[in-house]
Amino acid sequence: MSPTYVLTLSCPDRPGLVFAVTRWIAEAGGNILDSQQYTDPSDDVVRGGEFFLRVHADFGGPRDLQDLTAAFGPLAEELAMRFRLVAAEQPLRTLVMVSREGHCLNDLLYRQSTGSLNIEVPAVVGNHRDLERLAANYDVPFHHLPVTKDTKAEAEARLLALVDELDVDLVVLARYMQILSDDLCRALTGRAINIHHSFLPSFKGARPYHQAHDRGVKLIGATAHYVTADLDEGPIIEQGVQRVDHRQLPADLARVGRDVEAQTLSGAVRLHAESRVLMNGPRTVVFG
């Protein structure tokens, strides 16, 4: 198959933006396969709203990505566009971080192995060795980076070195039970995804499913979001939910929770890998 390309951008809204982009694609020899746009209204009458666009295009064969990016640069500068151009079929190099629970890791590696998730996992990083064998089952190298109060800075420095060495595009916290430092969060802005159960902030701390059972919850959910220094409060990418009832014990709720977490996280990774998520301040624009 001929390679195709995805252009995503955002800029202050104004008339003629779609025309300007589609004309550039046509003049560059491209054919649009899919296009989605959204304008976020603003109360600022002077500034206006923010415009978001995702275009999937075929340029009739392989093109040099750097040349295409440079060619679009003048138009982007003229219209104050923040843009990204990627090869659609290129798997996203994704480093996965884990602790002891393996449901999210297993789901990501399985989907990668079957081709249903367009990622390539060059490494799994764990602060415990519990999931080393699982990674080995998928022929993925495992790096043990234990974290203590005294070694946290060293471990995070080694993590960033791995990200650079392995040319990693995305870091996924697949139930990684360590809080990242503010510096690391800033270094990974827009390219690190976390997953957590959606009981927060109601049921914090240990045994959240026991707390939920005691309160008689009827919905089990999970939230996948970009990592920020504000713990579990980054821009949301994807959420999932499953209805439960009074017959289900805490262990049953936890099992449902694991399934929802795995599906929600893989869904968020898919959206990111396909360039369907654009940052909009503390929120996201997600093109399905």
Protein backbone atom coordinates (compact mmCIF):
# COMPACT_ATOMS: atom_id res chain seq x y z
CA MET A 1 0.00 0.00 0.00
CA SER A 2 1.11 3.53 -0.74
CA PRO A 3 2.03 5.43 2.45
CA THR A 4 -0.36 8.16 3.58
CA TYR A 5 0.05 11.13 5.89
CA VAL A 6 -1.90 12.84 8.66
CA LEU A 7 -1.80 16.59 9.24
CA THR A 8 -3.16 17.96 12.52
CA LEU A 9 -3.25 21.62 13.45
CA SER A 10 -4.81 24.28 15.63
CA CYS A 11 -4.87 28.05 15.29
CA PRO A 12 -7.07 31.09 15.94
CA ASP A 13 -10.26 30.74 13.92
CA ARG A 14 -10.76 32.86 10.81
CA PRO A 15 -12.49 32.50 7.43
CA GLY A 16 -10.73 30.49 4.76
CA LEU A 17 -8.68 28.10 6.89
CA VAL A 18 -10.07 24.90 5.37
CA PHE A 19 -9.67 26.32 1.89
CA ALA A 20 -6.06 27.32 2.56
CA VAL A 21 -5.09 23.87 3.86
CA THR A 22 -6.92 21.87 1.21
CA ARG A 23 -5.48 24.07 -1.54
CA TRP A 24 -1.98 23.44 -0.20
CA ILE A 25 -2.59 19.69 -0.19
CA ALA A 26 -3.90 19.78 -3.76
CA GLU A 27 -0.96 21.88 -4.96
CA ALA A 28 1.43 19.44 -3.26
CA GLY A 29 -0.11 16.60 -5.26
CA GLY A 30 -2.21 15.22 -2.44
CA ASN A 31 -5.68 13.69 -2.30
CA ILE A 32 -7.73 14.01 0.90
CA LEU A 33 -8.95 10.68 2.28
CA ASP A 34 -10.60 12.02 5.43
CA SER A 35 -11.00 15.40 7.08
CA GLN A 36 -12.44 16.51 10.42
CA GLN A 37 -12.61 19.98 11.92
CA TYR A 38 -13.88 21.73 15.03
CA THR A 39 -14.07 25.33 16.19
CA ASP A 40 -14.11 25.88 19.93
CA PRO A 41 -16.13 29.04 20.60
CA SER A 42 -14.69 31.70 22.89
CA ASP A 43 -16.15 34.48 24.98
CA ASP A 44 -13.26 36.64 23.83
CA VAL A 45 -14.86 38.63 21.00
CA VAL A 46 -11.52 40.06 19.91
CA ARG A 47 -9.62 36.77 19.83
CA GLY A 48 -12.44 34.60 18.57
CA GLY A 49 -12.47 30.82 18.86
CA GLU A 50 -9.79 28.19 18.34
CA PHE A 51 -9.83 26.08 15.18
CA PHE A 52 -8.77 22.41 15.06
CA LEU A 53 -8.26 20.25 11.98
CA ARG A 54 -7.19 16.69 11.16
CA VAL A 55 -6.61 15.73 7.53
CA HIS A 56 -5.61 12.29 6.25
CA ALA A 57 -4.13 12.54 2.76
CA ASP A 58 -2.50 10.42 0.07
CA PHE A 59 0.29 12.11 -1.90
CA GLY A 60 0.47 9.43 -4.59
CA GLY A 61 3.45 7.60 -3.13
CA PRO A 62 6.25 7.94 -0.60
CA ARG A 63 7.21 11.50 0.24
CA ASP A 64 9.98 12.80 2.44
CA LEU A 65 8.30 13.79 5.70
CA GLN A 66 10.80 16.53 6.45
CA ASP A 67 10.30 18.04 2.99
CA LEU A 68 6.52 18.00 3.36
CA THR A 69 6.76 19.54 6.82
CA ALA A 70 9.07 22.28 5.56
CA ALA A 71 6.78 22.95 2.59
CA PHE A 72 3.79 23.49 4.89
CA GLY A 73 5.79 25.77 7.20
CA PRO A 74 5.19 29.11 5.43
CA LEU A 75 1.42 28.66 5.40
CA ALA A 76 1.46 27.59 9.03
CA GLU A 77 3.49 30.66 9.98
CA GLU A 78 1.19 32.97 8.04
CA LEU A 79 -1.92 31.65 9.81
CA ALA A 80 -0.32 31.12 13.27
CA MET A 81 -0.85 27.37 13.06
CA ARG A 82 0.62 24.84 15.46
CA PHE A 83 0.84 21.73 13.34
CA ARG A 84 2.17 18.18 13.14
CA LEU A 85 2.59 16.02 10.07
CA VAL A 86 3.18 12.27 10.43
CA ALA A 87 3.23 9.13 8.32
CA ALA A 88 -0.09 7.41 9.07
CA GLU A 89 1.15 3.83 8.78
CA GLN A 90 4.30 4.32 10.87
CA PRO A 91 3.89 2.52 14.23
CA LEU A 92 4.23 4.83 17.21
CA ARG A 93 7.24 3.88 19.33
CA THR A 94 5.73 3.39 22.77
CA LEU A 95 7.49 2.74 26.07
CA VAL A 96 5.28 1.14 28.72
CA MET A 97 5.81 1.66 32.45
CA VAL A 98 4.45 -0.87 34.96
CA SER A 99 4.53 -1.94 38.59
CA ARG A 100 2.89 -5.22 39.62
CA GLU A 101 -0.53 -5.35 37.90
CA GLY A 102 -0.28 -6.74 34.38
CA HIS A 103 -3.75 -6.42 32.85
CA CYS A 104 -3.08 -3.17 31.00
CA LEU A 105 0.38 -4.24 29.83
CA ASN A 106 -0.91 -7.58 28.57
CA ASP A 107 -3.72 -5.88 26.66
CA LEU A 108 -1.37 -3.39 24.99
CA LEU A 109 1.20 -6.03 24.03
CA TYR A 110 -1.47 -8.40 22.72
CA ARG A 111 -3.07 -5.69 20.58
CA GLN A 112 0.35 -4.71 19.28
CA SER A 113 1.17 -8.34 18.41
CA THR A 114 -2.06 -8.76 16.43
CA GLY A 115 -1.71 -5.47 14.58
CA SER A 116 -4.89 -4.02 16.03
CA LEU A 117 -2.93 -1.21 17.71
CA ASN A 118 -0.47 0.70 15.56
CA ILE A 119 2.34 0.90 18.10
CA GLU A 120 5.79 -0.62 18.50
CA VAL A 121 6.93 -1.30 22.07
CA PRO A 122 10.76 -1.23 22.23
CA ALA A 123 10.83 -1.61 26.02
CA VAL A 124 8.86 -2.12 29.20
CA VAL A 125 10.10 -0.32 32.33
CA GLY A 126 9.09 -1.60 35.75
CA ASN A 127 9.87 -0.52 39.28
CA HIS A 128 9.34 -4.19 40.24
CA ARG A 129 10.25 -7.36 38.34
CA ASP A 130 6.82 -8.99 38.57
CA LEU A 131 5.97 -8.44 34.88
CA GLU A 132 9.37 -9.23 33.40
CA ARG A 133 8.24 -12.66 32.22
CA LEU A 134 5.10 -11.23 30.63
CA ALA A 135 7.20 -8.80 28.61
CA ALA A 136 9.54 -11.64 27.61
CA ASN A 137 6.57 -13.63 26.31
CA TYR A 138 6.12 -10.89 23.70
CA ASP A 139 9.89 -10.60 23.09
CA VAL A 140 9.98 -7.09 24.56
CA PRO A 141 13.05 -6.07 26.62
CA PHE A 142 12.32 -5.34 30.28
CA HIS A 143 14.23 -2.67 32.23
CA HIS A 144 14.09 -2.82 36.01
CA LEU A 145 14.27 0.69 37.49
CA PRO A 146 13.54 0.43 41.23
CA VAL A 147 12.38 3.67 42.80
CA THR A 148 12.97 4.80 46.37
CA LYS A 149 13.06 8.23 47.91
CA ASP A 150 16.84 8.25 47.50
CA THR A 151 16.93 6.85 43.94
CA LYS A 152 13.91 8.62 42.38
CA ALA A 153 15.93 11.32 40.59
CA GLU A 154 18.41 8.76 39.25
CA ALA A 155 15.61 6.45 38.05
CA GLU A 156 13.81 9.27 36.26
CA ALA A 157 17.04 10.40 34.60
CA ARG A 158 17.59 6.84 33.37
CA LEU A 159 14.00 6.75 32.08
CA LEU A 160 14.50 9.93 30.05
CA ALA A 161 17.76 8.51 28.72
CA LEU A 162 15.87 5.41 27.55
CA VAL A 163 13.23 7.59 25.89
CA ASP A 164 16.00 9.30 23.91
CA GLU A 165 18.03 6.15 23.21
CA LEU A 166 15.02 4.21 21.94
CA ASP A 167 13.54 7.14 20.00
CA VAL A 168 10.30 6.86 21.98
CA ASP A 169 7.27 8.88 20.84
CA LEU A 170 4.88 7.97 23.67
CA VAL A 171 5.19 6.83 27.30
CA VAL A 172 2.27 4.85 28.74
CA LEU A 173 1.80 4.42 32.48
CA ALA A 174 0.04 1.05 32.52
CA ARG A 175 -0.87 0.97 36.22
CA TYR A 176 2.56 2.34 37.17
CA MET A 177 2.21 3.00 40.88
CA GLN A 178 4.74 5.80 41.31
CA ILE A 179 4.15 9.54 41.26
CA LEU A 180 6.27 11.25 38.60
CA SER A 181 8.17 14.38 39.52
CA ASP A 182 7.07 17.75 38.18
CA ASP A 183 10.23 17.94 36.08
CA LEU A 184 9.55 14.57 34.45
CA CYS A 185 5.92 15.51 33.80
CA ARG A 186 7.06 18.66 32.04
CA ALA A 187 9.64 16.73 29.99
CA LEU A 188 6.90 14.35 28.80
CA THR A 189 4.17 16.95 28.22
CA GLY A 190 1.71 15.74 25.59
CA ARG A 191 3.42 12.38 25.14
CA ALA A 192 2.65 10.45 28.33
CA ILE A 193 -0.67 8.77 29.07
CA ASN A 194 -1.90 7.48 32.43
CA ILE A 195 -4.87 5.31 33.45
CA HIS A 196 -6.74 5.25 36.74
CA HIS A 197 -10.08 4.11 38.09
CA SER A 198 -12.79 6.75 38.01
CA PHE A 199 -13.68 6.55 41.69
CA LEU A 200 -11.39 9.50 42.29
CA PRO A 201 -11.69 11.73 44.18
CA SER A 202 -14.36 9.88 46.18
CA PHE A 203 -12.43 6.73 47.06
CA LYS A 204 -8.77 7.60 47.53
CA GLY A 205 -6.00 5.42 48.89
CA ALA A 206 -6.00 1.70 49.53
CA ARG A 207 -8.79 -0.77 48.71
CA PRO A 208 -10.87 1.55 46.49
CA TYR A 209 -13.12 -1.29 45.35
CA HIS A 210 -13.92 -2.21 48.94
CA GLN A 211 -14.77 1.43 49.60
CA ALA A 212 -16.95 1.48 46.49
CA HIS A 213 -18.69 -1.75 47.51
CA ASP A 214 -19.42 -0.32 50.95
CA ARG A 215 -21.09 2.66 49.29
CA GLY A 216 -23.08 0.51 46.88
CA VAL A 217 -21.73 1.98 43.64
CA LYS A 218 -23.53 1.03 40.44
CA LEU A 219 -20.92 2.12 37.89
CA ILE A 220 -17.27 1.09 37.52
CA GLY A 221 -15.21 3.39 35.35
CA ALA A 222 -11.72 4.30 34.18
CA THR A 223 -10.12 7.48 32.83
CA ALA A 224 -7.13 7.77 30.50
CA HIS A 225 -5.48 11.18 30.39
CA TYR A 226 -2.26 12.96 29.58
CA VAL A 227 0.20 13.14 32.46
CA THR A 228 0.65 16.51 34.17
CA ALA A 229 2.12 17.66 37.46
CA ASP A 230 -1.44 17.78 38.84
CA LEU A 231 -1.91 14.17 39.90
CA ASP A 232 -4.67 12.38 37.93
CA GLU A 233 -5.98 15.70 36.59
CA GLY A 234 -4.42 15.90 33.12
CA PRO A 235 -6.44 16.48 29.91
CA ILE A 236 -8.79 13.53 29.44
CA ILE A 237 -8.47 11.42 26.29
CA GLU A 238 -10.85 8.50 26.88
CA GLN A 239 -13.19 7.16 29.56
CA GLY A 240 -14.98 3.86 29.99
CA VAL A 241 -17.77 2.64 32.25
CA GLN A 242 -19.46 -0.65 33.17
CA ARG A 243 -22.67 -1.09 35.17
CA VAL A 244 -22.56 -3.34 38.27
CA ASP A 245 -25.10 -4.27 40.93
CA HIS A 246 -25.51 -5.31 44.57
CA ARG A 247 -24.65 -8.96 43.92
CA GLN A 248 -21.04 -8.23 43.02
CA LEU A 249 -18.44 -8.42 45.78
CA PRO A 250 -15.29 -6.25 45.94
CA ALA A 251 -13.32 -8.91 44.04
CA ASP A 252 -15.95 -8.87 41.29
CA LEU A 253 -15.81 -5.07 41.11
CA ALA A 254 -12.02 -5.17 40.86
CA ARG A 255 -12.23 -7.69 38.00
CA VAL A 256 -14.66 -5.44 36.13
CA GLY A 257 -12.39 -2.49 36.87
CA ARG A 258 -9.37 -4.24 35.38
CA ASP A 259 -11.26 -4.93 32.14
CA VAL A 260 -12.48 -1.33 31.88
CA GLU A 261 -9.00 0.03 32.61
CA ALA A 262 -7.36 -2.12 29.93
CA GLN A 263 -9.93 -1.26 27.27
CA THR A 264 -9.94 2.44 28.11
CA LEU A 265 -6.16 2.71 28.08
CA SER A 266 -5.77 0.89 24.76
CA GLY A 267 -8.50 3.12 23.33
CA ALA A 268 -6.62 6.24 24.42
CA VAL A 269 -3.34 4.92 23.00
CA ARG A 270 -5.06 4.14 19.69
CA LEU A 271 -6.48 7.66 19.47
CA HIS A 272 -3.07 9.18 20.22
CA ALA A 273 -1.25 6.84 17.82
CA GLU A 274 -3.64 7.81 15.02
CA SER A 275 -3.15 11.56 15.69
CA ARG A 276 -6.77 11.98 16.69
CA VAL A 277 -6.13 13.92 19.91
CA LEU A 278 -5.35 17.64 19.92
CA MET A 279 -4.62 19.63 23.06
CA ASN A 280 -7.07 22.42 23.88
CA GLY A 281 -5.70 23.96 27.07
CA PRO A 282 -6.79 21.75 30.00
CA ARG A 283 -9.04 19.73 27.67
CA THR A 284 -8.68 17.75 24.46
CA VAL A 285 -10.33 17.69 21.06
CA VAL A 286 -10.74 14.05 20.02
CA PHE A 287 -11.59 13.22 16.42
CA GLY A 288 -13.14 9.74 16.33
